């Protein structure tokens, strides 16, 4: 019986040594610095392109606000900028005219634009929230979004 316990102990110890060596070799073979650099580059790239349209829109808005008041006396420029900002925000909210309060945030939609009237270029003609399990395609008429449940 003593031999058997010794053999079992030897197997357990040798298995532990092999497993420990595998862990050490595995950790040494991983390129953590390379993975970190690739992750950093990917995150920086994604962040840049996520933020770019936001920054462009903000710059456009600030530039237009400053442009509006440039011909005014210095004392009146801030009042003109505040009025412009208020009008700009109202216009941005009015872009969703007819659909205020009915939008789900961070949800995909197919939006159809139509020609507006007067100085306004576009208006939202329709919107369709996208649903999982539905195939969307341009209707045969070329003027609408058709859909079919996926099986």
N, C-alpha and C. Protein backbone atom coordinates (compact mmCIF):
# COMPACT_ATOMS: atom_id res chain seq x y z
N UNK A 1 0.81 -1.18 0.00
CA UNK A 1 0.00 0.00 0.00
C UNK A 1 0.86 1.26 0.00
N UNK A 2 2.05 1.20 0.65
CA UNK A 2 2.97 2.32 0.70
C UNK A 2 3.47 2.70 -0.67
N UNK A 3 3.68 1.72 -1.52
CA UNK A 3 4.15 2.00 -2.88
C UNK A 3 3.08 2.72 -3.67
N UNK A 4 1.88 2.28 -3.47
CA UNK A 4 0.77 2.88 -4.20
C UNK A 4 0.58 4.36 -3.83
N UNK A 5 0.67 4.73 -2.58
CA UNK A 5 0.53 6.12 -2.14
C UNK A 5 1.68 6.95 -2.70
N UNK A 6 2.87 6.37 -2.71
CA UNK A 6 4.03 7.07 -3.26
C UNK A 6 3.87 7.31 -4.76
N UNK A 7 3.33 6.35 -5.48
CA UNK A 7 3.12 6.50 -6.92
C UNK A 7 2.07 7.57 -7.20
N UNK A 8 1.00 7.58 -6.42
CA UNK A 8 -0.05 8.57 -6.58
C UNK A 8 0.52 9.96 -6.29
N UNK A 9 1.31 10.07 -5.23
CA UNK A 9 1.92 11.35 -4.87
C UNK A 9 2.85 11.83 -5.98
N UNK A 10 3.60 10.93 -6.57
CA UNK A 10 4.51 11.29 -7.66
C UNK A 10 3.73 11.78 -8.87
N UNK A 11 2.62 11.14 -9.17
CA UNK A 11 1.78 11.56 -10.30
C UNK A 11 1.20 12.95 -10.02
N UNK A 12 0.72 13.18 -8.80
CA UNK A 12 0.13 14.47 -8.45
C UNK A 12 1.18 15.58 -8.54
N UNK A 13 2.36 15.33 -7.99
CA UNK A 13 3.42 16.33 -8.02
C UNK A 13 3.88 16.60 -9.45
N UNK A 14 4.05 15.57 -10.24
CA UNK A 14 4.50 15.78 -11.62
C UNK A 14 3.43 16.49 -12.44
N UNK A 15 2.17 16.19 -12.20
CA UNK A 15 1.08 16.88 -12.90
C UNK A 15 1.07 18.35 -12.53
N UNK A 16 1.25 18.65 -11.25
CA UNK A 16 1.29 20.04 -10.79
C UNK A 16 2.47 20.77 -11.42
N UNK A 17 3.62 20.12 -11.51
CA UNK A 17 4.80 20.75 -12.13
C UNK A 17 4.57 21.02 -13.62
N UNK A 18 3.98 20.06 -14.31
CA UNK A 18 3.69 20.25 -15.74
C UNK A 18 2.68 21.38 -15.93
N UNK A 19 1.64 21.41 -15.11
CA UNK A 19 0.63 22.47 -15.21
C UNK A 19 1.25 23.83 -14.90
N UNK A 20 2.08 23.89 -13.86
CA UNK A 20 2.75 25.15 -13.53
C UNK A 20 3.67 25.61 -14.65
N UNK A 21 4.39 24.69 -15.24
CA UNK A 21 5.27 25.05 -16.36
C UNK A 21 4.44 25.54 -17.55
N UNK A 22 3.29 24.93 -17.77
CA UNK A 22 2.41 25.37 -18.86
C UNK A 22 1.91 26.78 -18.65
N UNK A 23 1.59 27.11 -17.41
CA UNK A 23 1.13 28.47 -17.09
C UNK A 23 2.24 29.47 -17.35
N UNK A 24 3.45 29.14 -16.87
CA UNK A 24 4.59 30.05 -17.05
C UNK A 24 4.90 30.23 -18.53
N UNK A 25 4.97 29.16 -19.28
CA UNK A 25 5.25 29.25 -20.72
C UNK A 25 4.14 30.01 -21.44
N UNK A 26 2.90 29.75 -21.06
CA UNK A 26 1.76 30.43 -21.70
C UNK A 26 1.79 31.92 -21.45
N UNK A 27 2.08 32.32 -20.22
CA UNK A 27 2.12 33.76 -19.90
C UNK A 27 3.29 34.44 -20.60
N UNK A 28 4.40 33.75 -20.71
CA UNK A 28 5.56 34.34 -21.38
C UNK A 28 5.37 34.45 -22.89
N UNK A 29 4.52 33.60 -23.46
CA UNK A 29 4.34 33.62 -24.91
C UNK A 29 3.30 34.64 -25.37
N UNK A 30 2.56 35.23 -24.44
CA UNK A 30 1.53 36.20 -24.79
C UNK A 30 2.16 37.56 -25.02
N UNK A 31 1.81 38.21 -26.11
CA UNK A 31 2.34 39.54 -26.44
C UNK A 31 1.40 40.59 -25.87
N UNK A 32 1.49 40.83 -24.55
CA UNK A 32 0.58 41.77 -23.92
C UNK A 32 0.81 43.20 -24.39
N UNK A 33 2.06 43.57 -24.62
CA UNK A 33 2.34 44.94 -25.08
C UNK A 33 1.76 45.15 -26.47
N UNK A 34 1.92 44.18 -27.36
CA UNK A 34 1.36 44.29 -28.70
C UNK A 34 -0.15 44.36 -28.67
N UNK A 35 -0.78 43.53 -27.82
CA UNK A 35 -2.23 43.55 -27.70
C UNK A 35 -2.69 44.89 -27.15
N UNK A 36 -1.99 45.42 -26.18
CA UNK A 36 -2.33 46.72 -25.59
C UNK A 36 -2.23 47.81 -26.66
N UNK A 37 -1.17 47.79 -27.45
CA UNK A 37 -0.99 48.82 -28.49
C UNK A 37 -2.08 48.71 -29.56
N UNK A 38 -2.41 47.49 -29.96
CA UNK A 38 -3.47 47.31 -30.97
C UNK A 38 -4.81 47.79 -30.42
N UNK A 39 -5.10 47.48 -29.16
CA UNK A 39 -6.34 47.94 -28.54
C UNK A 39 -6.40 49.45 -28.44
N UNK A 40 -5.27 50.06 -28.09
CA UNK A 40 -5.20 51.51 -27.99
C UNK A 40 -5.46 52.15 -29.35
N UNK A 41 -4.79 51.64 -30.39
CA UNK A 41 -4.98 52.19 -31.74
C UNK A 41 -6.42 52.04 -32.19
N UNK A 42 -7.00 50.86 -31.93
CA UNK A 42 -8.38 50.62 -32.34
C UNK A 42 -9.34 51.55 -31.61
N UNK A 43 -9.16 51.71 -30.31
CA UNK A 43 -10.02 52.60 -29.53
C UNK A 43 -9.87 54.05 -29.95
N UNK A 44 -8.64 54.44 -30.22
CA UNK A 44 -8.40 55.82 -30.65
C UNK A 44 -9.05 56.08 -32.01
N UNK A 45 -8.92 55.13 -32.92
CA UNK A 45 -9.52 55.24 -34.24
C UNK A 45 -11.05 55.32 -34.13
N UNK A 46 -11.65 54.40 -33.36
CA UNK A 46 -13.10 54.39 -33.20
C UNK A 46 -13.58 55.68 -32.53
N UNK A 47 -12.87 56.11 -31.49
CA UNK A 47 -13.24 57.33 -30.78
C UNK A 47 -13.16 58.55 -31.67
N UNK A 48 -12.13 58.61 -32.50
CA UNK A 48 -11.96 59.74 -33.41
C UNK A 48 -13.15 59.83 -34.35
N UNK A 49 -13.50 58.72 -34.97
CA UNK A 49 -14.58 58.76 -35.94
C UNK A 49 -15.96 58.87 -35.30
N UNK A 50 -16.10 58.47 -34.04
CA UNK A 50 -17.35 58.70 -33.33
C UNK A 50 -17.51 60.18 -32.99
N UNK A 51 -16.40 60.83 -32.63
CA UNK A 51 -16.46 62.22 -32.18
C UNK A 51 -16.38 63.23 -33.34
N UNK A 52 -15.86 62.84 -34.48
CA UNK A 52 -15.67 63.77 -35.59
C UNK A 52 -16.95 64.49 -36.01
N UNK A 53 -18.06 63.80 -36.28
CA UNK A 53 -19.26 64.53 -36.69
C UNK A 53 -19.81 65.44 -35.60
N UNK A 54 -19.63 65.05 -34.34
CA UNK A 54 -20.09 65.89 -33.24
C UNK A 54 -19.28 67.18 -33.21
N UNK A 55 -17.97 67.05 -33.33
CA UNK A 55 -17.10 68.23 -33.34
C UNK A 55 -17.35 69.13 -34.54
N UNK A 56 -17.58 68.53 -35.69
CA UNK A 56 -17.86 69.34 -36.89
C UNK A 56 -19.16 70.12 -36.72
N UNK A 57 -20.18 69.47 -36.18
CA UNK A 57 -21.47 70.15 -35.97
C UNK A 57 -21.32 71.28 -34.95
N UNK A 58 -20.56 71.03 -33.90
CA UNK A 58 -20.36 72.07 -32.89
C UNK A 58 -19.59 73.24 -33.49
N UNK A 59 -18.56 72.96 -34.27
CA UNK A 59 -17.79 74.03 -34.91
C UNK A 59 -18.62 74.83 -35.90
N UNK A 60 -19.45 74.15 -36.65
CA UNK A 60 -20.33 74.84 -37.61
C UNK A 60 -21.28 75.77 -36.86
N UNK A 61 -21.85 75.27 -35.78
CA UNK A 61 -22.80 76.07 -35.00
C UNK A 61 -22.10 77.29 -34.39
N UNK A 62 -20.95 77.08 -33.77
CA UNK A 62 -20.23 78.21 -33.17
C UNK A 62 -19.79 79.22 -34.21
N UNK A 63 -19.33 78.72 -35.35
CA UNK A 63 -18.91 79.63 -36.43
C UNK A 63 -20.05 80.47 -36.94
N UNK A 64 -21.20 79.86 -37.12
CA UNK A 64 -22.36 80.61 -37.61
C UNK A 64 -22.85 81.61 -36.57
N UNK A 65 -22.80 81.23 -35.31
CA UNK A 65 -23.22 82.15 -34.24
C UNK A 65 -22.31 83.37 -34.21
N UNK A 66 -21.03 83.15 -34.34
CA UNK A 66 -20.08 84.28 -34.34
C UNK A 66 -20.25 85.13 -35.60
N UNK A 67 -20.50 84.48 -36.71
CA UNK A 67 -20.68 85.18 -37.98
C UNK A 67 -21.90 86.10 -37.93
N UNK A 68 -22.96 85.67 -37.28
CA UNK A 68 -24.18 86.47 -37.22
C UNK A 68 -23.96 87.80 -36.51
N UNK A 69 -23.13 87.80 -35.47
CA UNK A 69 -22.96 89.02 -34.69
C UNK A 69 -21.76 89.87 -35.07
N UNK A 70 -21.00 89.45 -36.05
CA UNK A 70 -19.75 90.14 -36.38
C UNK A 70 -19.96 91.59 -36.82
N UNK A 71 -21.08 91.89 -37.44
CA UNK A 71 -21.31 93.25 -37.94
C UNK A 71 -21.94 94.15 -36.87
N UNK A 72 -22.26 93.59 -35.71
CA UNK A 72 -22.89 94.37 -34.64
C UNK A 72 -21.82 95.04 -33.76
N UNK A 73 -22.21 96.08 -33.03
CA UNK A 73 -21.28 96.65 -32.05
C UNK A 73 -20.92 95.58 -31.02
N UNK A 74 -19.73 95.68 -30.46
CA UNK A 74 -19.22 94.67 -29.53
C UNK A 74 -20.18 94.40 -28.38
N UNK A 75 -20.84 95.41 -27.88
CA UNK A 75 -21.75 95.25 -26.73
C UNK A 75 -22.97 94.40 -27.08
N UNK A 76 -23.35 94.35 -28.34
CA UNK A 76 -24.55 93.62 -28.76
C UNK A 76 -24.25 92.21 -29.25
N UNK A 77 -22.99 91.86 -29.41
CA UNK A 77 -22.64 90.56 -30.00
C UNK A 77 -23.08 89.38 -29.14
N UNK A 78 -22.93 89.49 -27.82
CA UNK A 78 -23.31 88.38 -26.94
C UNK A 78 -24.82 88.15 -26.97
N UNK A 79 -25.59 89.21 -27.04
CA UNK A 79 -27.05 89.09 -27.13
C UNK A 79 -27.42 88.39 -28.43
N UNK A 80 -26.77 88.78 -29.52
CA UNK A 80 -27.04 88.16 -30.81
C UNK A 80 -26.64 86.68 -30.79
N UNK A 81 -25.52 86.35 -30.14
CA UNK A 81 -25.08 84.94 -30.06
C UNK A 81 -26.09 84.12 -29.28
N UNK A 82 -26.58 84.65 -28.16
CA UNK A 82 -27.58 83.92 -27.37
C UNK A 82 -28.87 83.72 -28.17
N UNK A 83 -29.29 84.74 -28.90
CA UNK A 83 -30.50 84.62 -29.73
C UNK A 83 -30.28 83.58 -30.82
N UNK A 84 -29.10 83.61 -31.44
CA UNK A 84 -28.80 82.63 -32.48
C UNK A 84 -28.82 81.22 -31.90
N UNK A 85 -28.16 81.03 -30.74
CA UNK A 85 -28.11 79.71 -30.12
C UNK A 85 -29.52 79.20 -29.80
N UNK A 86 -30.37 80.06 -29.29
CA UNK A 86 -31.74 79.66 -28.98
C UNK A 86 -32.48 79.27 -30.25
N UNK A 87 -32.32 80.04 -31.30
CA UNK A 87 -32.96 79.71 -32.58
C UNK A 87 -32.40 78.44 -33.18
N UNK A 88 -31.10 78.24 -33.04
CA UNK A 88 -30.46 77.04 -33.58
C UNK A 88 -31.01 75.80 -32.88
N UNK A 89 -31.11 75.87 -31.54
CA UNK A 89 -31.64 74.73 -30.78
C UNK A 89 -33.10 74.47 -31.15
N UNK A 90 -33.87 75.54 -31.30
CA UNK A 90 -35.27 75.37 -31.70
C UNK A 90 -35.36 74.74 -33.08
N UNK A 91 -34.49 75.17 -33.97
CA UNK A 91 -34.49 74.60 -35.33
C UNK A 91 -34.09 73.13 -35.32
N UNK A 92 -33.10 72.78 -34.50
CA UNK A 92 -32.68 71.38 -34.42
C UNK A 92 -33.82 70.52 -33.89
N UNK A 93 -34.54 71.02 -32.89
CA UNK A 93 -35.69 70.27 -32.37
C UNK A 93 -36.82 70.22 -33.38
N UNK A 94 -37.01 71.29 -34.13
CA UNK A 94 -38.07 71.31 -35.15
C UNK A 94 -37.77 70.40 -36.32
N UNK A 95 -36.50 69.99 -36.46
CA UNK A 95 -36.16 69.07 -37.54
C UNK A 95 -36.93 67.77 -37.40
N UNK A 96 -37.40 67.49 -36.20
CA UNK A 96 -38.17 66.29 -35.95
C UNK A 96 -39.67 66.58 -35.92
N UNK A 97 -40.06 67.67 -36.55
CA UNK A 97 -41.45 68.12 -36.54
C UNK A 97 -42.39 66.97 -36.91
N UNK A 98 -43.44 66.88 -36.17
CA UNK A 98 -44.43 65.83 -36.41
C UNK A 98 -44.05 64.52 -35.73
N UNK A 99 -42.84 64.45 -35.18
CA UNK A 99 -42.38 63.22 -34.55
C UNK A 99 -41.82 63.48 -33.16
N UNK A 100 -41.99 64.69 -32.64
CA UNK A 100 -41.45 65.00 -31.31
C UNK A 100 -41.97 64.02 -30.28
N UNK A 101 -41.07 63.57 -29.44
CA UNK A 101 -41.46 62.69 -28.34
C UNK A 101 -41.66 61.25 -28.73
N UNK A 102 -41.64 60.94 -30.00
CA UNK A 102 -41.89 59.57 -30.41
C UNK A 102 -40.67 58.82 -30.87
N UNK A 103 -39.50 59.38 -30.64
CA UNK A 103 -38.27 58.72 -31.06
C UNK A 103 -37.69 57.92 -29.90
N UNK A 104 -37.20 56.74 -30.18
CA UNK A 104 -36.47 55.96 -29.18
C UNK A 104 -34.99 56.30 -29.35
N UNK A 105 -34.33 56.61 -28.26
CA UNK A 105 -32.91 56.96 -28.34
C UNK A 105 -32.08 55.71 -28.62
N UNK A 106 -31.04 55.89 -29.41
CA UNK A 106 -30.09 54.84 -29.76
C UNK A 106 -30.75 53.64 -30.43
N UNK A 107 -31.84 53.89 -31.14
CA UNK A 107 -32.53 52.84 -31.89
C UNK A 107 -32.43 53.19 -33.37
N UNK A 108 -32.22 52.20 -34.23
CA UNK A 108 -32.09 52.49 -35.65
C UNK A 108 -33.45 52.74 -36.33
N UNK A 109 -33.45 53.68 -37.25
CA UNK A 109 -34.64 54.01 -38.03
C UNK A 109 -34.26 54.11 -39.51
N UNK A 110 -35.22 53.89 -40.35
CA UNK A 110 -35.10 54.27 -41.76
C UNK A 110 -35.96 55.51 -41.89
N UNK A 111 -35.33 56.61 -42.28
CA UNK A 111 -36.01 57.89 -42.38
C UNK A 111 -36.05 58.29 -43.85
N UNK A 112 -37.20 58.71 -44.31
CA UNK A 112 -37.36 59.19 -45.68
C UNK A 112 -37.53 60.70 -45.64
N UNK A 113 -36.68 61.40 -46.39
CA UNK A 113 -36.77 62.85 -46.47
C UNK A 113 -37.56 63.24 -47.70
N UNK A 114 -38.23 64.36 -47.60
CA UNK A 114 -38.97 64.92 -48.73
C UNK A 114 -38.60 66.39 -48.85
N UNK A 115 -38.89 66.96 -50.00
CA UNK A 115 -38.64 68.38 -50.20
C UNK A 115 -39.59 69.18 -49.32
N UNK A 116 -39.04 70.21 -48.69
CA UNK A 116 -39.87 71.07 -47.84
C UNK A 116 -40.27 72.30 -48.65
N UNK A 117 -40.77 73.30 -47.99
CA UNK A 117 -41.26 74.49 -48.68
C UNK A 117 -40.48 75.72 -48.25
N UNK A 118 -40.40 76.71 -49.10
CA UNK A 118 -39.75 77.97 -48.78
C UNK A 118 -38.26 77.82 -48.59
N UNK A 119 -37.74 78.42 -47.51
CA UNK A 119 -36.31 78.38 -47.24
C UNK A 119 -35.86 77.08 -46.59
N UNK A 120 -36.80 76.23 -46.26
CA UNK A 120 -36.46 74.96 -45.60
C UNK A 120 -36.26 73.91 -46.70
N UNK A 121 -35.12 73.26 -46.64
CA UNK A 121 -34.75 72.32 -47.71
C UNK A 121 -35.44 70.97 -47.57
N UNK A 122 -35.43 70.40 -46.36
CA UNK A 122 -35.93 69.03 -46.17
C UNK A 122 -36.99 68.98 -45.08
N UNK A 123 -37.80 67.93 -45.17
CA UNK A 123 -38.70 67.58 -44.09
C UNK A 123 -38.72 66.06 -43.99
N UNK A 124 -39.06 65.55 -42.83
CA UNK A 124 -39.14 64.10 -42.65
C UNK A 124 -40.50 63.66 -43.17
N UNK A 125 -40.48 62.82 -44.18
CA UNK A 125 -41.73 62.33 -44.77
C UNK A 125 -42.24 61.10 -44.03
N UNK A 126 -41.31 60.24 -43.59
CA UNK A 126 -41.72 59.05 -42.84
C UNK A 126 -40.53 58.52 -42.07
N UNK A 127 -40.83 57.71 -41.10
CA UNK A 127 -39.78 57.03 -40.36
C UNK A 127 -40.29 55.66 -39.96
N UNK A 128 -39.41 54.69 -40.01
CA UNK A 128 -39.76 53.32 -39.65
C UNK A 128 -38.70 52.81 -38.68
N UNK A 129 -39.10 52.48 -37.45
CA UNK A 129 -38.12 51.91 -36.53
C UNK A 129 -37.79 50.48 -36.97
N UNK A 130 -36.52 50.14 -37.00
CA UNK A 130 -36.11 48.80 -37.43
C UNK A 130 -36.32 47.81 -36.29
N UNK A 131 -36.78 46.63 -36.66
CA UNK A 131 -37.05 45.58 -35.68
C UNK A 131 -36.21 44.36 -36.01
N UNK A 132 -35.81 43.64 -34.98
CA UNK A 132 -35.08 42.39 -35.18
C UNK A 132 -35.99 41.37 -35.84
N UNK A 133 -35.43 40.54 -36.71
CA UNK A 133 -36.19 39.48 -37.34
C UNK A 133 -37.03 39.93 -38.52
N UNK A 134 -36.80 41.14 -39.01
CA UNK A 134 -37.55 41.65 -40.15
C UNK A 134 -36.56 42.03 -41.25
N UNK A 135 -36.85 41.61 -42.47
CA UNK A 135 -36.03 41.99 -43.63
C UNK A 135 -36.66 43.22 -44.27
N UNK A 136 -35.88 44.25 -44.51
CA UNK A 136 -36.36 45.49 -45.12
C UNK A 136 -35.77 45.61 -46.51
N UNK A 137 -36.57 46.11 -47.44
CA UNK A 137 -36.09 46.29 -48.81
C UNK A 137 -36.94 47.37 -49.49
N UNK A 138 -36.38 47.94 -50.54
CA UNK A 138 -37.08 48.96 -51.31
C UNK A 138 -38.22 48.29 -52.07
N UNK A 139 -39.40 48.83 -51.93
CA UNK A 139 -40.56 48.27 -52.62
C UNK A 139 -40.37 48.35 -54.13
N UNK A 140 -41.09 47.52 -54.85
CA UNK A 140 -40.97 47.46 -56.31
C UNK A 140 -41.28 48.81 -56.96
N UNK A 141 -42.14 49.61 -56.35
CA UNK A 141 -42.48 50.92 -56.91
C UNK A 141 -41.30 51.89 -56.82
N UNK A 142 -40.32 51.54 -55.94
CA UNK A 142 -39.17 52.42 -55.75
C UNK A 142 -39.46 53.57 -54.80
N UNK A 143 -40.65 53.59 -54.22
CA UNK A 143 -41.06 54.70 -53.35
C UNK A 143 -41.62 54.20 -52.03
N UNK A 144 -40.88 53.40 -51.36
CA UNK A 144 -41.35 52.94 -50.06
C UNK A 144 -40.48 51.84 -49.53
N UNK A 145 -40.65 51.56 -48.28
CA UNK A 145 -39.89 50.52 -47.61
C UNK A 145 -40.82 49.35 -47.35
N UNK A 146 -40.52 48.23 -47.97
CA UNK A 146 -41.31 47.03 -47.75
C UNK A 146 -40.58 46.16 -46.71
N UNK A 147 -41.32 45.31 -46.07
CA UNK A 147 -40.71 44.48 -45.04
C UNK A 147 -41.35 43.11 -45.02
N UNK A 148 -40.58 42.16 -44.55
CA UNK A 148 -41.06 40.78 -44.48
C UNK A 148 -40.41 40.13 -43.26
N UNK A 149 -41.20 39.42 -42.48
CA UNK A 149 -40.66 38.71 -41.33
C UNK A 149 -39.71 37.62 -41.79
N UNK A 150 -38.58 37.52 -41.12
CA UNK A 150 -37.62 36.45 -41.40
C UNK A 150 -38.09 35.19 -40.69
N UNK A 151 -37.80 34.07 -41.30
CA UNK A 151 -38.21 32.79 -40.68
C UNK A 151 -37.06 32.11 -40.04
